[in-house]
Amino acid sequence: MFRLATMLYALIATTLAGSLVIAALSAGYDTLIPIVVAGGIGAVVAVPVSYYVARAILSGIR
């Protein structure tokens, strides 16, 4: 399951980080710190999300 979760992390982290960066830019935060913080939050939140998605995929298979 760890291998699947790490593969999913590559996709989920970029999606979440990109979405949060776009949300920060849309809200008017256009300096370096808010953009980096939004990307970092997306990368951190993607860890449990990728674990739960991998678990859901594997539970459907077995």
PDB file of N, CA and C in Angstrom:
ATOM      1  N   MET A   1       0.817  -1.182   0.000  1.00  0.00           N
ATOM      2  CA  MET A   1       0.000   0.000   0.000  1.00  0.00           C
ATOM      3  C   MET A   1       0.869   1.258   0.000  1.00  0.00           C
ATOM      4  N   PHE A   2       2.048   1.160   0.604  1.00  0.00           N
ATOM      5  CA  PHE A   2       2.923   2.332   0.667  1.00  0.00           C
ATOM      6  C   PHE A   2       3.357   2.781  -0.718  1.00  0.00           C
ATOM      7  N   ARG A   3       3.631   1.819  -1.608  1.00  0.00           N
ATOM      8  CA  ARG A   3       4.045   2.177  -2.962  1.00  0.00           C
ATOM      9  C   ARG A   3       2.929   2.893  -3.714  1.00  0.00           C
ATOM     10  N   LEU A   4       1.704   2.398  -3.554  1.00  0.00           N
ATOM     11  CA  LEU A   4       0.568   3.039  -4.208  1.00  0.00           C
ATOM     12  C   LEU A   4       0.349   4.436  -3.645  1.00  0.00           C
ATOM     13  N   ALA A   5       0.475   4.579  -2.331  1.00  0.00           N
ATOM     14  CA  ALA A   5       0.276   5.886  -1.700  1.00  0.00           C
ATOM     15  C   ALA A   5       1.332   6.890  -2.156  1.00  0.00           C
ATOM     16  N   THR A   6       2.566   6.438  -2.345  1.00  0.00           N
ATOM     17  CA  THR A   6       3.590   7.376  -2.804  1.00  0.00           C
ATOM     18  C   THR A   6       3.365   7.788  -4.255  1.00  0.00           C
ATOM     19  N   MET A   7       2.873   6.866  -5.078  1.00  0.00           N
ATOM     20  CA  MET A   7       2.554   7.241  -6.457  1.00  0.00           C
ATOM     21  C   MET A   7       1.381   8.217  -6.502  1.00  0.00           C
ATOM     22  N   LEU A   8       0.392   7.966  -5.667  1.00  0.00           N
ATOM     23  CA  LEU A   8      -0.751   8.863  -5.613  1.00  0.00           C
ATOM     24  C   LEU A   8      -0.365  10.222  -5.046  1.00  0.00           C
ATOM     25  N   TYR A   9       0.595  10.237  -4.126  1.00  0.00           N
ATOM     26  CA  TYR A   9       1.029  11.492  -3.523  1.00  0.00           C
ATOM     27  C   TYR A   9       1.563  12.453  -4.580  1.00  0.00           C
ATOM     28  N   ALA A  10       2.283  11.911  -5.544  1.00  0.00           N
ATOM     29  CA  ALA A  10       2.835  12.774  -6.595  1.00  0.00           C
ATOM     30  C   ALA A  10       1.732  13.497  -7.358  1.00  0.00           C
ATOM     31  N   LEU A  11       0.626  12.849  -7.555  1.00  0.00           N
ATOM     32  CA  LEU A  11      -0.490  13.476  -8.263  1.00  0.00           C
ATOM     33  C   LEU A  11      -1.332  14.365  -7.350  1.00  0.00           C
ATOM     34  N   ILE A  12      -1.615  13.867  -6.163  1.00  0.00           N
ATOM     35  CA  ILE A  12      -2.502  14.593  -5.253  1.00  0.00           C
ATOM     36  C   ILE A  12      -1.824  15.847  -4.706  1.00  0.00           C
ATOM     37  N   ALA A  13      -0.534  15.758  -4.386  1.00  0.00           N
ATOM     38  CA  ALA A  13       0.168  16.913  -3.822  1.00  0.00           C
ATOM     39  C   ALA A  13       0.246  18.061  -4.819  1.00  0.00           C
ATOM     40  N   THR A  14       0.532  17.751  -6.071  1.00  0.00           N
ATOM     41  CA  THR A  14       0.609  18.830  -7.053  1.00  0.00           C
ATOM     42  C   THR A  14      -0.760  19.457  -7.295  1.00  0.00           C
ATOM     43  N   THR A  15      -1.793  18.633  -7.250  1.00  0.00           N
ATOM     44  CA  THR A  15      -3.144  19.160  -7.448  1.00  0.00           C
ATOM     45  C   THR A  15      -3.559  20.054  -6.287  1.00  0.00           C
ATOM     46  N   LEU A  16      -3.366  19.576  -5.058  1.00  0.00           N
ATOM     47  CA  LEU A  16      -3.763  20.374  -3.897  1.00  0.00           C
ATOM     48  C   LEU A  16      -2.917  21.639  -3.756  1.00  0.00           C
ATOM     49  N   ALA A  17      -1.610  21.508  -3.928  1.00  0.00           N
ATOM     50  CA  ALA A  17      -0.741  22.680  -3.808  1.00  0.00           C
ATOM     51  C   ALA A  17      -1.069  23.709  -4.881  1.00  0.00           C
ATOM     52  N   GLY A  18      -1.281  23.244  -6.086  1.00  0.00           N
ATOM     53  CA  GLY A  18      -1.630  24.166  -7.168  1.00  0.00           C
ATOM     54  C   GLY A  18      -2.964  24.849  -6.941  1.00  0.00           C
ATOM     55  N   SER A  19      -3.928  24.094  -6.442  1.00  0.00           N
ATOM     56  CA  SER A  19      -5.240  24.681  -6.161  1.00  0.00           C
ATOM     57  C   SER A  19      -5.158  25.728  -5.060  1.00  0.00           C
ATOM     58  N   LEU A  20      -4.378  25.440  -4.033  1.00  0.00           N
ATOM     59  CA  LEU A  20      -4.253  26.411  -2.940  1.00  0.00           C
ATOM     60  C   LEU A  20      -3.457  27.644  -3.368  1.00  0.00           C
ATOM     61  N   VAL A  21      -2.480  27.471  -4.229  1.00  0.00           N
ATOM     62  CA  VAL A  21      -1.744  28.631  -4.742  1.00  0.00           C
ATOM     63  C   VAL A  21      -2.662  29.494  -5.591  1.00  0.00           C
ATOM     64  N   ILE A  22      -3.473  28.875  -6.429  1.00  0.00           N
ATOM     65  CA  ILE A  22      -4.430  29.635  -7.239  1.00  0.00           C
ATOM     66  C   ILE A  22      -5.437  30.348  -6.338  1.00  0.00           C
ATOM     67  N   ALA A  23      -5.881  29.686  -5.269  1.00  0.00           N
ATOM     68  CA  ALA A  23      -6.815  30.324  -4.339  1.00  0.00           C
ATOM     69  C   ALA A  23      -6.164  31.517  -3.641  1.00  0.00           C
ATOM     70  N   ALA A  24      -4.889  31.380  -3.270  1.00  0.00           N
ATOM     71  CA  ALA A  24      -4.181  32.492  -2.630  1.00  0.00           C
ATOM     72  C   ALA A  24      -4.022  33.658  -3.595  1.00  0.00           C
ATOM     73  N   LEU A  25      -3.677  33.353  -4.840  1.00  0.00           N
ATOM     74  CA  LEU A  25      -3.538  34.420  -5.822  1.00  0.00           C
ATOM     75  C   LEU A  25      -4.883  35.082  -6.123  1.00  0.00           C
ATOM     76  N   SER A  26      -5.947  34.308  -6.148  1.00  0.00           N
ATOM     77  CA  SER A  26      -7.282  34.871  -6.398  1.00  0.00           C
ATOM     78  C   SER A  26      -7.745  35.751  -5.248  1.00  0.00           C
ATOM     79  N   ALA A  27      -7.285  35.430  -4.043  1.00  0.00           N
ATOM     80  CA  ALA A  27      -7.656  36.219  -2.879  1.00  0.00           C
ATOM     81  C   ALA A  27      -6.827  37.498  -2.765  1.00  0.00           C
ATOM     82  N   GLY A  28      -5.851  37.676  -3.638  1.00  0.00           N
ATOM     83  CA  GLY A  28      -5.067  38.898  -3.633  1.00  0.00           C
ATOM     84  C   GLY A  28      -3.733  38.789  -2.924  1.00  0.00           C
ATOM     85  N   TYR A  29      -3.390  37.608  -2.455  1.00  0.00           N
ATOM     86  CA  TYR A  29      -2.095  37.404  -1.801  1.00  0.00           C
ATOM     87  C   TYR A  29      -1.070  37.074  -2.879  1.00  0.00           C
ATOM     88  N   ASP A  30      -0.366  38.087  -3.353  1.00  0.00           N
ATOM     89  CA  ASP A  30       0.532  37.874  -4.482  1.00  0.00           C
ATOM     90  C   ASP A  30       2.001  38.083  -4.127  1.00  0.00           C
ATOM     91  N   THR A  31       2.344  37.947  -2.855  1.00  0.00           N
ATOM     92  CA  THR A  31       3.756  38.013  -2.473  1.00  0.00           C
ATOM     93  C   THR A  31       4.277  36.601  -2.232  1.00  0.00           C
ATOM     94  N   LEU A  32       5.567  36.492  -1.978  1.00  0.00           N
ATOM     95  CA  LEU A  32       6.214  35.192  -1.902  1.00  0.00           C
ATOM     96  C   LEU A  32       5.706  34.336  -0.737  1.00  0.00           C
ATOM     97  N   ILE A  33       5.607  34.907   0.445  1.00  0.00           N
ATOM     98  CA  ILE A  33       5.294  34.117   1.640  1.00  0.00           C
ATOM     99  C   ILE A  33       3.921  33.447   1.552  1.00  0.00           C
ATOM    100  N   PRO A  34       2.843  34.135   1.211  1.00  0.00           N
ATOM    101  CA  PRO A  34       1.557  33.436   1.127  1.00  0.00           C
ATOM    102  C   PRO A  34       1.521  32.343   0.052  1.00  0.00           C
ATOM    103  N   ILE A  35       2.226  32.541  -1.038  1.00  0.00           N
ATOM    104  CA  ILE A  35       2.242  31.537  -2.095  1.00  0.00           C
ATOM    105  C   ILE A  35       2.992  30.290  -1.630  1.00  0.00           C
ATOM    106  N   VAL A  36       4.124  30.472  -0.967  1.00  0.00           N
ATOM    107  CA  VAL A  36       4.898  29.335  -0.456  1.00  0.00           C
ATOM    108  C   VAL A  36       4.135  28.614   0.644  1.00  0.00           C
ATOM    109  N   VAL A  37       3.474  29.365   1.515  1.00  0.00           N
ATOM    110  CA  VAL A  37       2.691  28.747   2.592  1.00  0.00           C
ATOM    111  C   VAL A  37       1.537  27.936   2.011  1.00  0.00           C
ATOM    112  N   ALA A  38       0.857  28.464   1.014  1.00  0.00           N
ATOM    113  CA  ALA A  38      -0.247  27.736   0.389  1.00  0.00           C
ATOM    114  C   ALA A  38       0.259  26.455  -0.267  1.00  0.00           C
ATOM    115  N   GLY A  39       1.381  26.511  -0.938  1.00  0.00           N
ATOM    116  CA  GLY A  39       1.956  25.309  -1.539  1.00  0.00           C
ATOM    117  C   GLY A  39       2.385  24.296  -0.495  1.00  0.00           C
ATOM    118  N   GLY A  40       2.960  24.774   0.597  1.00  0.00           N
ATOM    119  CA  GLY A  40       3.373  23.876   1.677  1.00  0.00           C
ATOM    120  C   GLY A  40       2.196  23.211   2.359  1.00  0.00           C
ATOM    121  N   ILE A  41       1.134  23.966   2.571  1.00  0.00           N
ATOM    122  CA  ILE A  41      -0.071  23.384   3.173  1.00  0.00           C
ATOM    123  C   ILE A  41      -0.647  22.312   2.261  1.00  0.00           C
ATOM    124  N   GLY A  42      -0.662  22.576   0.970  1.00  0.00           N
ATOM    125  CA  GLY A  42      -1.151  21.574   0.024  1.00  0.00           C
ATOM    126  C   GLY A  42      -0.315  20.306   0.040  1.00  0.00           C
ATOM    127  N   ALA A  43       0.998  20.447   0.155  1.00  0.00           N
ATOM    128  CA  ALA A  43       1.877  19.278   0.193  1.00  0.00           C
ATOM    129  C   ALA A  43       1.687  18.476   1.473  1.00  0.00           C
ATOM    130  N   VAL A  44       1.476  19.166   2.594  1.00  0.00           N
ATOM    131  CA  VAL A  44       1.290  18.471   3.868  1.00  0.00           C
ATOM    132  C   VAL A  44      -0.079  17.793   3.931  1.00  0.00           C
ATOM    133  N   VAL A  45      -1.100  18.460   3.444  1.00  0.00           N
ATOM    134  CA  VAL A  45      -2.450  17.890   3.473  1.00  0.00           C
ATOM    135  C   VAL A  45      -2.545  16.686   2.536  1.00  0.00           C
ATOM    136  N   ALA A  46      -1.718  16.642   1.517  1.00  0.00           N
ATOM    137  CA  ALA A  46      -1.762  15.545   0.558  1.00  0.00           C
ATOM    138  C   ALA A  46      -1.286  14.223   1.141  1.00  0.00           C
ATOM    139  N   VAL A  47      -0.526  14.246   2.231  1.00  0.00           N
ATOM    140  CA  VAL A  47      -0.030  12.998   2.825  1.00  0.00           C
ATOM    141  C   VAL A  47      -1.182  12.132   3.326  1.00  0.00           C
ATOM    142  N   PRO A  48      -2.046  12.628   4.219  1.00  0.00           N
ATOM    143  CA  PRO A  48      -3.153  11.752   4.645  1.00  0.00           C
ATOM    144  C   PRO A  48      -4.170  11.489   3.540  1.00  0.00           C
ATOM    145  N   VAL A  49      -4.351  12.435   2.648  1.00  0.00           N
ATOM    146  CA  VAL A  49      -5.303  12.228   1.552  1.00  0.00           C
ATOM    147  C   VAL A  49      -4.840  11.084   0.661  1.00  0.00           C
ATOM    148  N   SER A  50      -3.565  11.038   0.331  1.00  0.00           N
ATOM    149  CA  SER A  50      -3.064   9.961  -0.517  1.00  0.00           C
ATOM    150  C   SER A  50      -3.143   8.618   0.207  1.00  0.00           C
ATOM    151  N   TYR A  51      -2.946   8.608   1.510  1.00  0.00           N
ATOM    152  CA  TYR A  51      -3.087   7.370   2.280  1.00  0.00           C
ATOM    153  C   TYR A  51      -4.529   6.866   2.236  1.00  0.00           C
ATOM    154  N   TYR A  52      -5.491   7.757   2.439  1.00  0.00           N
ATOM    155  CA  TYR A  52      -6.888   7.340   2.432  1.00  0.00           C
ATOM    156  C   TYR A  52      -7.351   6.917   1.048  1.00  0.00           C
ATOM    157  N   VAL A  53      -6.859   7.573   0.010  1.00  0.00           N
ATOM    158  CA  VAL A  53      -7.223   7.181  -1.348  1.00  0.00           C
ATOM    159  C   VAL A  53      -6.628   5.810  -1.675  1.00  0.00           C
ATOM    160  N   ALA A  54      -5.385   5.574  -1.286  1.00  0.00           N
ATOM    161  CA  ALA A  54      -4.765   4.266  -1.522  1.00  0.00           C
ATOM    162  C   ALA A  54      -5.508   3.173  -0.768  1.00  0.00           C
ATOM    163  N   ARG A  55      -5.898   3.473   0.455  1.00  0.00           N
ATOM    164  CA  ARG A  55      -6.653   2.486   1.241  1.00  0.00           C
ATOM    165  C   ARG A  55      -7.998   2.199   0.608  1.00  0.00           C
ATOM    166  N   ALA A  56      -8.663   3.224   0.094  1.00  0.00           N
ATOM    167  CA  ALA A  56      -9.952   3.031  -0.560  1.00  0.00           C
ATOM    168  C   ALA A  56      -9.804   2.221  -1.842  1.00  0.00           C
ATOM    169  N   ILE A  57      -8.746   2.462  -2.595  1.00  0.00           N
ATOM    170  CA  ILE A  57      -8.522   1.701  -3.825  1.00  0.00           C
ATOM    171  C   ILE A  57      -8.265   0.238  -3.507  1.00  0.00           C
ATOM    172  N   LEU A  58      -7.423  -0.008  -2.524  1.00  0.00           N
ATOM    173  CA  LEU A  58      -7.083  -1.404  -2.189  1.00  0.00           C
ATOM    174  C   LEU A  58      -8.240  -2.134  -1.526  1.00  0.00           C
ATOM    175  N   SER A  59      -9.070  -1.456  -0.797  1.00  0.00           N
ATOM    176  CA  SER A  59     -10.209  -2.141  -0.176  1.00  0.00           C
ATOM    177  C   SER A  59     -11.245  -2.531  -1.221  1.00  0.00           C
ATOM    178  N   GLY A  60     -11.305  -1.807  -2.322  1.00  0.00           N
ATOM    179  CA  GLY A  60     -12.221  -2.164  -3.395  1.00  0.00           C
ATOM    180  C   GLY A  60     -11.739  -3.348  -4.195  1.00  0.00           C
ATOM    181  N   ILE A  61     -10.423  -3.574  -4.199  1.00  0.00           N
ATOM    182  CA  ILE A  61      -9.853  -4.677  -4.968  1.00  0.00           C
ATOM    183  C   ILE A  61     -10.006  -6.001  -4.221  1.00  0.00           C
ATOM    184  N   ARG A  62      -9.786  -5.978  -2.937  1.00  0.00           N
ATOM    185  CA  ARG A  62      -9.784  -7.220  -2.156  1.00  0.00           C
ATOM    186  C   ARG A  62     -11.146  -7.667  -1.766  1.00  0.00           C
TER     187      ARG A  62
END
